[in-house]
Amino acid sequence: MATIPAFRTPEDKQLFDQLFTAKLAEYRRYFLQTAKELLGYWDADALTSQQLDFLSSVTSSMLYAAQDELKIQRPEYKEDDELFYSPFKVKDWVKEAIAEAHQGDQQ
């Protein structure tokens, strides 16, 4: 599981929070775009966990496909792996958080 770093300054924590929020907004935008394109709608309450997992998987696959295509069309990005984040990590974090919350409900 990813860890939250021990920040040296309040400014470092603020920067981390801003970066996380920006990345989350980006992933959310792509996720919702995928859901609307494949399902024609977005209603989180109406979707099953299997459907959410499927949408997450498709979104991740599309992000990787777009990343690969960008590297083909713009060779200067080919070696810049730090530019891209892994949506699979986000998926794992969400799964872990849901599992932890579910365990807390059962106690």
PDB file of N, CA and C in Angstrom:
ATOM      1  N   MET A   1       0.841  -1.174   0.000  1.00  0.00           N
ATOM      2  CA  MET A   1       0.000   0.000   0.000  1.00  0.00           C
ATOM      3  C   MET A   1       0.888   1.240   0.000  1.00  0.00           C
ATOM      4  N   ALA A   2       0.465   2.240  -0.722  1.00  0.00           N
ATOM      5  CA  ALA A   2       1.196   3.503  -0.740  1.00  0.00           C
ATOM      6  C   ALA A   2       1.074   4.167   0.623  1.00  0.00           C
ATOM      7  N   THR A   3       2.093   4.908   0.976  1.00  0.00           N
ATOM      8  CA  THR A   3       2.070   5.592   2.263  1.00  0.00           C
ATOM      9  C   THR A   3       2.091   7.094   2.051  1.00  0.00           C
ATOM     10  N   ILE A   4       1.597   7.796   3.029  1.00  0.00           N
ATOM     11  CA  ILE A   4       1.664   9.251   3.009  1.00  0.00           C
ATOM     12  C   ILE A   4       3.007   9.632   3.628  1.00  0.00           C
ATOM     13  N   PRO A   5       3.787  10.428   2.939  1.00  0.00           N
ATOM     14  CA  PRO A   5       5.114  10.747   3.458  1.00  0.00           C
ATOM     15  C   PRO A   5       5.056  11.548   4.753  1.00  0.00           C
ATOM     16  N   ALA A   6       6.138  11.462   5.506  1.00  0.00           N
ATOM     17  CA  ALA A   6       6.290  12.296   6.705  1.00  0.00           C
ATOM     18  C   ALA A   6       6.784  13.656   6.213  1.00  0.00           C
ATOM     19  N   PHE A   7       5.914  14.617   6.200  1.00  0.00           N
ATOM     20  CA  PHE A   7       6.240  15.918   5.629  1.00  0.00           C
ATOM     21  C   PHE A   7       7.191  16.691   6.526  1.00  0.00           C
ATOM     22  N   ARG A   8       8.123  17.371   5.893  1.00  0.00           N
ATOM     23  CA  ARG A   8       9.105  18.164   6.630  1.00  0.00           C
ATOM     24  C   ARG A   8       8.577  19.539   7.000  1.00  0.00           C
ATOM     25  N   THR A   9       7.660  20.037   6.186  1.00  0.00           N
ATOM     26  CA  THR A   9       7.102  21.365   6.448  1.00  0.00           C
ATOM     27  C   THR A   9       5.615  21.353   6.131  1.00  0.00           C
ATOM     28  N   PRO A  10       4.873  22.291   6.689  1.00  0.00           N
ATOM     29  CA  PRO A  10       3.453  22.411   6.324  1.00  0.00           C
ATOM     30  C   PRO A  10       3.271  22.712   4.832  1.00  0.00           C
ATOM     31  N   GLU A  11       4.230  23.406   4.252  1.00  0.00           N
ATOM     32  CA  GLU A  11       4.149  23.708   2.826  1.00  0.00           C
ATOM     33  C   GLU A  11       4.266  22.443   1.983  1.00  0.00           C
ATOM     34  N   ASP A  12       5.120  21.494   2.429  1.00  0.00           N
ATOM     35  CA  ASP A  12       5.249  20.222   1.723  1.00  0.00           C
ATOM     36  C   ASP A  12       3.928  19.450   1.758  1.00  0.00           C
ATOM     37  N   LYS A  13       3.280  19.446   2.907  1.00  0.00           N
ATOM     38  CA  LYS A  13       1.983  18.764   3.023  1.00  0.00           C
ATOM     39  C   LYS A  13       0.951  19.436   2.127  1.00  0.00           C
ATOM     40  N   GLN A  14       0.960  20.746   2.110  1.00  0.00           N
ATOM     41  CA  GLN A  14       0.017  21.482   1.269  1.00  0.00           C
ATOM     42  C   GLN A  14       0.245  21.159  -0.207  1.00  0.00           C
ATOM     43  N   LEU A  15       1.507  21.114  -0.618  1.00  0.00           N
ATOM     44  CA  LEU A  15       1.816  20.774  -2.001  1.00  0.00           C
ATOM     45  C   LEU A  15       1.356  19.357  -2.324  1.00  0.00           C
ATOM     46  N   PHE A  16       1.633  18.408  -1.433  1.00  0.00           N
ATOM     47  CA  PHE A  16       1.204  17.028  -1.632  1.00  0.00           C
ATOM     48  C   PHE A  16      -0.323  16.968  -1.783  1.00  0.00           C
ATOM     49  N   ASP A  17      -1.033  17.656  -0.909  1.00  0.00           N
ATOM     50  CA  ASP A  17      -2.496  17.672  -0.973  1.00  0.00           C
ATOM     51  C   ASP A  17      -2.989  18.240  -2.298  1.00  0.00           C
ATOM     52  N   GLN A  18      -2.350  19.288  -2.775  1.00  0.00           N
ATOM     53  CA  GLN A  18      -2.737  19.884  -4.054  1.00  0.00           C
ATOM     54  C   GLN A  18      -2.486  18.919  -5.208  1.00  0.00           C
ATOM     55  N   LEU A  19      -1.333  18.256  -5.177  1.00  0.00           N
ATOM     56  CA  LEU A  19      -1.013  17.299  -6.232  1.00  0.00           C
ATOM     57  C   LEU A  19      -1.982  16.122  -6.229  1.00  0.00           C
ATOM     58  N   PHE A  20      -2.284  15.608  -5.040  1.00  0.00           N
ATOM     59  CA  PHE A  20      -3.221  14.494  -4.933  1.00  0.00           C
ATOM     60  C   PHE A  20      -4.595  14.901  -5.465  1.00  0.00           C
ATOM     61  N   THR A  21      -5.057  16.056  -5.046  1.00  0.00           N
ATOM     62  CA  THR A  21      -6.375  16.535  -5.478  1.00  0.00           C
ATOM     63  C   THR A  21      -6.431  16.696  -6.988  1.00  0.00           C
ATOM     64  N   ALA A  22      -5.381  17.218  -7.578  1.00  0.00           N
ATOM     65  CA  ALA A  22      -5.336  17.392  -9.031  1.00  0.00           C
ATOM     66  C   ALA A  22      -5.356  16.045  -9.749  1.00  0.00           C
ATOM     67  N   LYS A  23      -4.558  15.096  -9.266  1.00  0.00           N
ATOM     68  CA  LYS A  23      -4.527  13.775  -9.898  1.00  0.00           C
ATOM     69  C   LYS A  23      -5.865  13.051  -9.743  1.00  0.00           C
ATOM     70  N   LEU A  24      -6.468  13.191  -8.571  1.00  0.00           N
ATOM     71  CA  LEU A  24      -7.768  12.565  -8.349  1.00  0.00           C
ATOM     72  C   LEU A  24      -8.813  13.156  -9.292  1.00  0.00           C
ATOM     73  N   ALA A  25      -8.794  14.454  -9.476  1.00  0.00           N
ATOM     74  CA  ALA A  25      -9.742  15.106 -10.387  1.00  0.00           C
ATOM     75  C   ALA A  25      -9.543  14.622 -11.823  1.00  0.00           C
ATOM     76  N   GLU A  26      -8.284  14.466 -12.222  1.00  0.00           N
ATOM     77  CA  GLU A  26      -8.008  13.957 -13.567  1.00  0.00           C
ATOM     78  C   GLU A  26      -8.555  12.542 -13.739  1.00  0.00           C
ATOM     79  N   TYR A  27      -8.242  11.673 -12.789  1.00  0.00           N
ATOM     80  CA  TYR A  27      -8.703  10.292 -12.905  1.00  0.00           C
ATOM     81  C   TYR A  27     -10.235  10.229 -12.890  1.00  0.00           C
ATOM     82  N   ARG A  28     -10.849  11.015 -12.008  1.00  0.00           N
ATOM     83  CA  ARG A  28     -12.308  11.047 -11.922  1.00  0.00           C
ATOM     84  C   ARG A  28     -12.912  11.476 -13.256  1.00  0.00           C
ATOM     85  N   ARG A  29     -12.327  12.477 -13.895  1.00  0.00           N
ATOM     86  CA  ARG A  29     -12.842  12.950 -15.181  1.00  0.00           C
ATOM     87  C   ARG A  29     -12.786  11.831 -16.216  1.00  0.00           C
ATOM     88  N   TYR A  30     -11.663  11.126 -16.270  1.00  0.00           N
ATOM     89  CA  TYR A  30     -11.539  10.025 -17.229  1.00  0.00           C
ATOM     90  C   TYR A  30     -12.484   8.875 -16.882  1.00  0.00           C
ATOM     91  N   PHE A  31     -12.633   8.584 -15.600  1.00  0.00           N
ATOM     92  CA  PHE A  31     -13.525   7.511 -15.160  1.00  0.00           C
ATOM     93  C   PHE A  31     -14.967   7.822 -15.554  1.00  0.00           C
ATOM     94  N   LEU A  32     -15.412   9.042 -15.271  1.00  0.00           N
ATOM     95  CA  LEU A  32     -16.788   9.430 -15.613  1.00  0.00           C
ATOM     96  C   LEU A  32     -17.000   9.435 -17.121  1.00  0.00           C
ATOM     97  N   GLN A  33     -15.994   9.866 -17.855  1.00  0.00           N
ATOM     98  CA  GLN A  33     -16.088   9.850 -19.315  1.00  0.00           C
ATOM     99  C   GLN A  33     -16.258   8.414 -19.817  1.00  0.00           C
ATOM    100  N   THR A  34     -15.507   7.494 -19.235  1.00  0.00           N
ATOM    101  CA  THR A  34     -15.620   6.082 -19.607  1.00  0.00           C
ATOM    102  C   THR A  34     -17.018   5.554 -19.290  1.00  0.00           C
ATOM    103  N   ALA A  35     -17.510   5.840 -18.091  1.00  0.00           N
ATOM    104  CA  ALA A  35     -18.836   5.360 -17.683  1.00  0.00           C
ATOM    105  C   ALA A  35     -19.916   5.896 -18.606  1.00  0.00           C
ATOM    106  N   LYS A  36     -19.868   7.173 -18.890  1.00  0.00           N
ATOM    107  CA  LYS A  36     -20.901   7.772 -19.747  1.00  0.00           C
ATOM    108  C   LYS A  36     -20.840   7.222 -21.165  1.00  0.00           C
ATOM    109  N   GLU A  37     -19.626   6.988 -21.647  1.00  0.00           N
ATOM    110  CA  GLU A  37     -19.474   6.464 -23.013  1.00  0.00           C
ATOM    111  C   GLU A  37     -19.961   5.013 -23.106  1.00  0.00           C
ATOM    112  N   LEU A  38     -19.612   4.192 -22.124  1.00  0.00           N
ATOM    113  CA  LEU A  38     -19.971   2.775 -22.188  1.00  0.00           C
ATOM    114  C   LEU A  38     -21.394   2.496 -21.732  1.00  0.00           C
ATOM    115  N   LEU A  39     -21.854   3.230 -20.720  1.00  0.00           N
ATOM    116  CA  LEU A  39     -23.178   2.968 -20.164  1.00  0.00           C
ATOM    117  C   LEU A  39     -24.230   3.972 -20.620  1.00  0.00           C
ATOM    118  N   GLY A  40     -23.772   5.124 -21.058  1.00  0.00           N
ATOM    119  CA  GLY A  40     -24.711   6.163 -21.471  1.00  0.00           C
ATOM    120  C   GLY A  40     -25.195   7.018 -20.308  1.00  0.00           C
ATOM    121  N   TYR A  41     -24.731   6.738 -19.100  1.00  0.00           N
ATOM    122  CA  TYR A  41     -25.151   7.504 -17.920  1.00  0.00           C
ATOM    123  C   TYR A  41     -24.118   7.301 -16.823  1.00  0.00           C
ATOM    124  N   TRP A  42     -24.286   8.075 -15.765  1.00  0.00           N
ATOM    125  CA  TRP A  42     -23.469   7.881 -14.564  1.00  0.00           C
ATOM    126  C   TRP A  42     -24.367   8.016 -13.354  1.00  0.00           C
ATOM    127  N   ASP A  43     -24.513   6.932 -12.627  1.00  0.00           N
ATOM    128  CA  ASP A  43     -25.271   6.939 -11.376  1.00  0.00           C
ATOM    129  C   ASP A  43     -24.583   5.954 -10.443  1.00  0.00           C
ATOM    130  N   ALA A  44     -23.730   6.482  -9.581  1.00  0.00           N
ATOM    131  CA  ALA A  44     -22.934   5.625  -8.704  1.00  0.00           C
ATOM    132  C   ALA A  44     -23.794   4.729  -7.841  1.00  0.00           C
ATOM    133  N   ASP A  45     -24.954   5.207  -7.433  1.00  0.00           N
ATOM    134  CA  ASP A  45     -25.828   4.415  -6.572  1.00  0.00           C
ATOM    135  C   ASP A  45     -26.452   3.231  -7.304  1.00  0.00           C
ATOM    136  N   ALA A  46     -26.546   3.328  -8.623  1.00  0.00           N
ATOM    137  CA  ALA A  46     -27.192   2.264  -9.395  1.00  0.00           C
ATOM    138  C   ALA A  46     -26.206   1.207  -9.885  1.00  0.00           C
ATOM    139  N   LEU A  47     -24.905   1.451  -9.726  1.00  0.00           N
ATOM    140  CA  LEU A  47     -23.912   0.524 -10.253  1.00  0.00           C
ATOM    141  C   LEU A  47     -23.481  -0.489  -9.196  1.00  0.00           C
ATOM    142  N   THR A  48     -23.250  -1.698  -9.647  1.00  0.00           N
ATOM    143  CA  THR A  48     -22.757  -2.744  -8.750  1.00  0.00           C
ATOM    144  C   THR A  48     -21.249  -2.599  -8.596  1.00  0.00           C
ATOM    145  N   SER A  49     -20.699  -3.285  -7.621  1.00  0.00           N
ATOM    146  CA  SER A  49     -19.247  -3.245  -7.434  1.00  0.00           C
ATOM    147  C   SER A  49     -18.540  -3.848  -8.646  1.00  0.00           C
ATOM    148  N   GLN A  50     -19.145  -4.849  -9.274  1.00  0.00           N
ATOM    149  CA  GLN A  50     -18.551  -5.449 -10.463  1.00  0.00           C
ATOM    150  C   GLN A  50     -18.522  -4.445 -11.620  1.00  0.00           C
ATOM    151  N   GLN A  51     -19.581  -3.666 -11.759  1.00  0.00           N
ATOM    152  CA  GLN A  51     -19.611  -2.658 -12.811  1.00  0.00           C
ATOM    153  C   GLN A  51     -18.570  -1.565 -12.545  1.00  0.00           C
ATOM    154  N   LEU A  52     -18.448  -1.150 -11.294  1.00  0.00           N
ATOM    155  CA  LEU A  52     -17.446  -0.139 -10.944  1.00  0.00           C
ATOM    156  C   LEU A  52     -16.040  -0.667 -11.208  1.00  0.00           C
ATOM    157  N   ASP A  53     -15.809  -1.920 -10.861  1.00  0.00           N
ATOM    158  CA  ASP A  53     -14.511  -2.538 -11.110  1.00  0.00           C
ATOM    159  C   ASP A  53     -14.230  -2.606 -12.605  1.00  0.00           C
ATOM    160  N   PHE A  54     -15.235  -2.989 -13.376  1.00  0.00           N
ATOM    161  CA  PHE A  54     -15.095  -3.041 -14.832  1.00  0.00           C
ATOM    162  C   PHE A  54     -14.759  -1.662 -15.396  1.00  0.00           C
ATOM    163  N   LEU A  55     -15.492  -0.644 -14.953  1.00  0.00           N
ATOM    164  CA  LEU A  55     -15.237   0.715 -15.443  1.00  0.00           C
ATOM    165  C   LEU A  55     -13.837   1.191 -15.064  1.00  0.00           C
ATOM    166  N   SER A  56     -13.408   0.860 -13.870  1.00  0.00           N
ATOM    167  CA  SER A  56     -12.068   1.230 -13.436  1.00  0.00           C
ATOM    168  C   SER A  56     -11.016   0.551 -14.307  1.00  0.00           C
ATOM    169  N   SER A  57     -11.241  -0.715 -14.599  1.00  0.00           N
ATOM    170  CA  SER A  57     -10.305  -1.469 -15.432  1.00  0.00           C
ATOM    171  C   SER A  57     -10.246  -0.893 -16.850  1.00  0.00           C
ATOM    172  N   VAL A  58     -11.397  -0.592 -17.423  1.00  0.00           N
ATOM    173  CA  VAL A  58     -11.425  -0.027 -18.775  1.00  0.00           C
ATOM    174  C   VAL A  58     -10.752   1.348 -18.781  1.00  0.00           C
ATOM    175  N   THR A  59     -11.054   2.160 -17.771  1.00  0.00           N
ATOM    176  CA  THR A  59     -10.438   3.487 -17.686  1.00  0.00           C
ATOM    177  C   THR A  59      -8.924   3.360 -17.614  1.00  0.00           C
ATOM    178  N   SER A  60      -8.437   2.469 -16.773  1.00  0.00           N
ATOM    179  CA  SER A  60      -6.995   2.261 -16.646  1.00  0.00           C
ATOM    180  C   SER A  60      -6.392   1.802 -17.963  1.00  0.00           C
ATOM    181  N   SER A  61      -7.058   0.881 -18.621  1.00  0.00           N
ATOM    182  CA  SER A  61      -6.559   0.394 -19.908  1.00  0.00           C
ATOM    183  C   SER A  61      -6.499   1.517 -20.940  1.00  0.00           C
ATOM    184  N   MET A  62      -7.516   2.354 -20.957  1.00  0.00           N
ATOM    185  CA  MET A  62      -7.546   3.463 -21.903  1.00  0.00           C
ATOM    186  C   MET A  62      -6.465   4.497 -21.586  1.00  0.00           C
ATOM    187  N   LEU A  63      -6.213   4.743 -20.306  1.00  0.00           N
ATOM    188  CA  LEU A  63      -5.145   5.664 -19.923  1.00  0.00           C
ATOM    189  C   LEU A  63      -3.791   5.138 -20.396  1.00  0.00           C
ATOM    190  N   TYR A  64      -3.565   3.852 -20.210  1.00  0.00           N
ATOM    191  CA  TYR A  64      -2.307   3.269 -20.673  1.00  0.00           C
ATOM    192  C   TYR A  64      -2.218   3.291 -22.194  1.00  0.00           C
ATOM    193  N   ALA A  65      -3.308   3.031 -22.872  1.00  0.00           N
ATOM    194  CA  ALA A  65      -3.301   3.066 -24.339  1.00  0.00           C
ATOM    195  C   ALA A  65      -3.008   4.487 -24.832  1.00  0.00           C
ATOM    196  N   ALA A  66      -3.623   5.470 -24.205  1.00  0.00           N
ATOM    197  CA  ALA A  66      -3.367   6.860 -24.592  1.00  0.00           C
ATOM    198  C   ALA A  66      -1.922   7.241 -24.302  1.00  0.00           C
ATOM    199  N   GLN A  67      -1.401   6.786 -23.166  1.00  0.00           N
ATOM    200  CA  GLN A  67       0.000   7.048 -22.813  1.00  0.00           C
ATOM    201  C   GLN A  67       0.927   6.439 -23.863  1.00  0.00           C
ATOM    202  N   ASP A  68       0.671   5.200 -24.243  1.00  0.00           N
ATOM    203  CA  ASP A  68       1.505   4.537 -25.248  1.00  0.00           C
ATOM    204  C   ASP A  68       1.432   5.268 -26.585  1.00  0.00           C
ATOM    205  N   GLU A  69       0.239   5.678 -26.967  1.00  0.00           N
ATOM    206  CA  GLU A  69       0.076   6.381 -28.236  1.00  0.00           C
ATOM    207  C   GLU A  69       0.774   7.741 -28.203  1.00  0.00           C
ATOM    208  N   LEU A  70       0.704   8.430 -27.075  1.00  0.00           N
ATOM    209  CA  LEU A  70       1.393   9.710 -26.927  1.00  0.00           C
ATOM    210  C   LEU A  70       2.901   9.515 -27.119  1.00  0.00           C
ATOM    211  N   LYS A  71       3.423   8.434 -26.539  1.00  0.00           N
ATOM    212  CA  LYS A  71       4.860   8.157 -26.670  1.00  0.00           C
ATOM    213  C   LYS A  71       5.245   7.856 -28.116  1.00  0.00           C
ATOM    214  N   ILE A  72       4.329   7.285 -28.889  1.00  0.00           N
ATOM    215  CA  ILE A  72       4.593   7.021 -30.302  1.00  0.00           C
ATOM    216  C   ILE A  72       4.563   8.325 -31.099  1.00  0.00           C
ATOM    217  N   GLN A  73       3.543   9.138 -30.834  1.00  0.00           N
ATOM    218  CA  GLN A  73       3.387  10.371 -31.592  1.00  0.00           C
ATOM    219  C   GLN A  73       4.325  11.484 -31.134  1.00  0.00           C
ATOM    220  N   ARG A  74       4.757  11.416 -29.884  1.00  0.00           N
ATOM    221  CA  ARG A  74       5.676  12.407 -29.322  1.00  0.00           C
ATOM    222  C   ARG A  74       6.841  11.667 -28.665  1.00  0.00           C
ATOM    223  N   PRO A  75       7.850  11.279 -29.449  1.00  0.00           N
ATOM    224  CA  PRO A  75       8.959  10.466 -28.930  1.00  0.00           C
ATOM    225  C   PRO A  75       9.669  11.070 -27.718  1.00  0.00           C
ATOM    226  N   GLU A  76       9.590  12.381 -27.538  1.00  0.00           N
ATOM    227  CA  GLU A  76      10.256  12.987 -26.380  1.00  0.00           C
ATOM    228  C   GLU A  76       9.671  12.506 -25.052  1.00  0.00           C
ATOM    229  N   TYR A  77       8.475  11.917 -25.082  1.00  0.00           N
ATOM    230  CA  TYR A  77       7.863  11.375 -23.864  1.00  0.00           C
ATOM    231  C   TYR A  77       8.232   9.920 -23.611  1.00  0.00           C
ATOM    232  N   LYS A  78       8.880   9.295 -24.562  1.00  0.00           N
ATOM    233  CA  LYS A  78       9.148   7.862 -24.476  1.00  0.00           C
ATOM    234  C   LYS A  78       9.907   7.466 -23.211  1.00  0.00           C
ATOM    235  N   GLU A  79      10.874   8.251 -22.808  1.00  0.00           N
ATOM    236  CA  GLU A  79      11.687   7.910 -21.643  1.00  0.00           C
ATOM    237  C   GLU A  79      11.219   8.581 -20.358  1.00  0.00           C
ATOM    238  N   ASP A  80      10.160   9.346 -20.427  1.00  0.00           N
ATOM    239  CA  ASP A  80       9.722  10.124 -19.267  1.00  0.00           C
ATOM    240  C   ASP A  80       8.615   9.399 -18.511  1.00  0.00           C
ATOM    241  N   ASP A  81       8.975   8.307 -17.828  1.00  0.00           N
ATOM    242  CA  ASP A  81       7.986   7.532 -17.091  1.00  0.00           C
ATOM    243  C   ASP A  81       7.429   8.283 -15.889  1.00  0.00           C
ATOM    244  N   GLU A  82       8.145   9.256 -15.383  1.00  0.00           N
ATOM    245  CA  GLU A  82       7.675  10.022 -14.233  1.00  0.00           C
ATOM    246  C   GLU A  82       6.497  10.917 -14.589  1.00  0.00           C
ATOM    247  N   LEU A  83       6.301  11.183 -15.873  1.00  0.00           N
ATOM    248  CA  LEU A  83       5.215  12.047 -16.297  1.00  0.00           C
ATOM    249  C   LEU A  83       3.858  11.411 -16.024  1.00  0.00           C
ATOM    250  N   PHE A  84       3.800  10.088 -16.077  1.00  0.00           N
ATOM    251  CA  PHE A  84       2.534   9.385 -15.989  1.00  0.00           C
ATOM    252  C   PHE A  84       2.381   8.697 -14.636  1.00  0.00           C
ATOM    253  N   TYR A  85       1.182   8.718 -14.107  1.00  0.00           N
ATOM    254  CA  TYR A  85       0.898   8.000 -12.871  1.00  0.00           C
ATOM    255  C   TYR A  85       0.124   6.742 -13.213  1.00  0.00           C
ATOM    256  N   SER A  86       0.120   5.807 -12.311  1.00  0.00           N
ATOM    257  CA  SER A  86      -0.527   4.530 -12.563  1.00  0.00           C
ATOM    258  C   SER A  86      -1.945   4.513 -12.010  1.00  0.00           C
ATOM    259  N   PRO A  87      -2.932   4.431 -12.877  1.00  0.00           N
ATOM    260  CA  PRO A  87      -4.299   4.326 -12.378  1.00  0.00           C
ATOM    261  C   PRO A  87      -4.547   3.006 -11.655  1.00  0.00           C
ATOM    262  N   PHE A  88      -3.713   1.988 -11.936  1.00  0.00           N
ATOM    263  CA  PHE A  88      -3.881   0.726 -11.230  1.00  0.00           C
ATOM    264  C   PHE A  88      -3.584   0.896  -9.749  1.00  0.00           C
ATOM    265  N   LYS A  89      -2.661   1.790  -9.405  1.00  0.00           N
ATOM    266  CA  LYS A  89      -2.387   2.063  -8.001  1.00  0.00           C
ATOM    267  C   LYS A  89      -3.601   2.689  -7.343  1.00  0.00           C
ATOM    268  N   VAL A  90      -4.252   3.606  -8.034  1.00  0.00           N
ATOM    269  CA  VAL A  90      -5.455   4.244  -7.494  1.00  0.00           C
ATOM    270  C   VAL A  90      -6.514   3.184  -7.256  1.00  0.00           C
ATOM    271  N   LYS A  91      -6.674   2.291  -8.194  1.00  0.00           N
ATOM    272  CA  LYS A  91      -7.652   1.211  -8.058  1.00  0.00           C
ATOM    273  C   LYS A  91      -7.350   0.359  -6.829  1.00  0.00           C
ATOM    274  N   ASP A  92      -6.080   0.040  -6.626  1.00  0.00           N
ATOM    275  CA  ASP A  92      -5.693  -0.748  -5.455  1.00  0.00           C
ATOM    276  C   ASP A  92      -5.973   0.010  -4.163  1.00  0.00           C
ATOM    277  N   TRP A  93      -5.700   1.310  -4.151  1.00  0.00           N
ATOM    278  CA  TRP A  93      -5.951   2.121  -2.952  1.00  0.00           C
ATOM    279  C   TRP A  93      -7.437   2.136  -2.619  1.00  0.00           C
ATOM    280  N   VAL A  94      -8.264   2.271  -3.655  1.00  0.00           N
ATOM    281  CA  VAL A  94      -9.712   2.299  -3.433  1.00  0.00           C
ATOM    282  C   VAL A  94     -10.183   0.952  -2.898  1.00  0.00           C
ATOM    283  N   LYS A  95      -9.686  -0.130  -3.487  1.00  0.00           N
ATOM    284  CA  LYS A  95     -10.062  -1.465  -3.015  1.00  0.00           C
ATOM    285  C   LYS A  95      -9.666  -1.666  -1.551  1.00  0.00           C
ATOM    286  N   GLU A  96      -8.451  -1.248  -1.195  1.00  0.00           N
ATOM    287  CA  GLU A  96      -7.991  -1.387   0.183  1.00  0.00           C
ATOM    288  C   GLU A  96      -8.834  -0.550   1.133  1.00  0.00           C
ATOM    289  N   ALA A  97      -9.163   0.657   0.724  1.00  0.00           N
ATOM    290  CA  ALA A  97      -9.976   1.528   1.576  1.00  0.00           C
ATOM    291  C   ALA A  97     -11.373   0.936   1.780  1.00  0.00           C
ATOM    292  N   ILE A  98     -11.945   0.392   0.731  1.00  0.00           N
ATOM    293  CA  ILE A  98     -13.274  -0.226   0.841  1.00  0.00           C
ATOM    294  C   ILE A  98     -13.205  -1.447   1.746  1.00  0.00           C
ATOM    295  N   ALA A  99     -12.169  -2.263   1.586  1.00  0.00           N
ATOM    296  CA  ALA A  99     -12.010  -3.454   2.432  1.00  0.00           C
ATOM    297  C   ALA A  99     -11.840  -3.061   3.893  1.00  0.00           C
ATOM    298  N   GLU A 100     -11.034  -2.036   4.155  1.00  0.00           N
ATOM    299  CA  GLU A 100     -10.840  -1.573   5.532  1.00  0.00           C
ATOM    300  C   GLU A 100     -12.145  -1.034   6.119  1.00  0.00           C
ATOM    301  N   ALA A 101     -12.889  -0.289   5.317  1.00  0.00           N
ATOM    302  CA  ALA A 101     -14.165   0.247   5.797  1.00  0.00           C
ATOM    303  C   ALA A 101     -15.144  -0.876   6.064  1.00  0.00           C
ATOM    304  N   HIS A 102     -15.141  -1.884   5.196  1.00  0.00           N
ATOM    305  CA  HIS A 102     -16.037  -3.025   5.377  1.00  0.00           C
ATOM    306  C   HIS A 102     -15.689  -3.798   6.632  1.00  0.00           C
ATOM    307  N   GLN A 103     -14.396  -3.961   6.909  1.00  0.00           N
ATOM    308  CA  GLN A 103     -13.966  -4.645   8.124  1.00  0.00           C
ATOM    309  C   GLN A 103     -14.403  -3.857   9.359  1.00  0.00           C
ATOM    310  N   GLY A 104     -14.313  -2.532   9.267  1.00  0.00           N
ATOM    311  CA  GLY A 104     -14.744  -1.689  10.391  1.00  0.00           C
ATOM    312  C   GLY A 104     -16.223  -1.814  10.646  1.00  0.00           C
ATOM    313  N   ASP A 105     -17.025  -2.006   9.584  1.00  0.00           N
ATOM    314  CA  ASP A 105     -18.472  -2.175   9.730  1.00  0.00           C
ATOM    315  C   ASP A 105     -18.822  -3.485  10.422  1.00  0.00           C
ATOM    316  N   GLN A 106     -17.978  -4.500  10.213  1.00  0.00           N
ATOM    317  CA  GLN A 106     -18.271  -5.813  10.757  1.00  0.00           C
ATOM    318  C   GLN A 106     -17.870  -5.935  12.225  1.00  0.00           C
ATOM    319  N   GLN A 107     -17.082  -5.006  12.713  1.00  0.00           N
ATOM    320  CA  GLN A 107     -16.617  -5.088  14.103  1.00  0.00           C
ATOM    321  C   GLN A 107     -17.580  -4.461  15.065  1.00  0.00           C
TER     322      GLN A 107
END
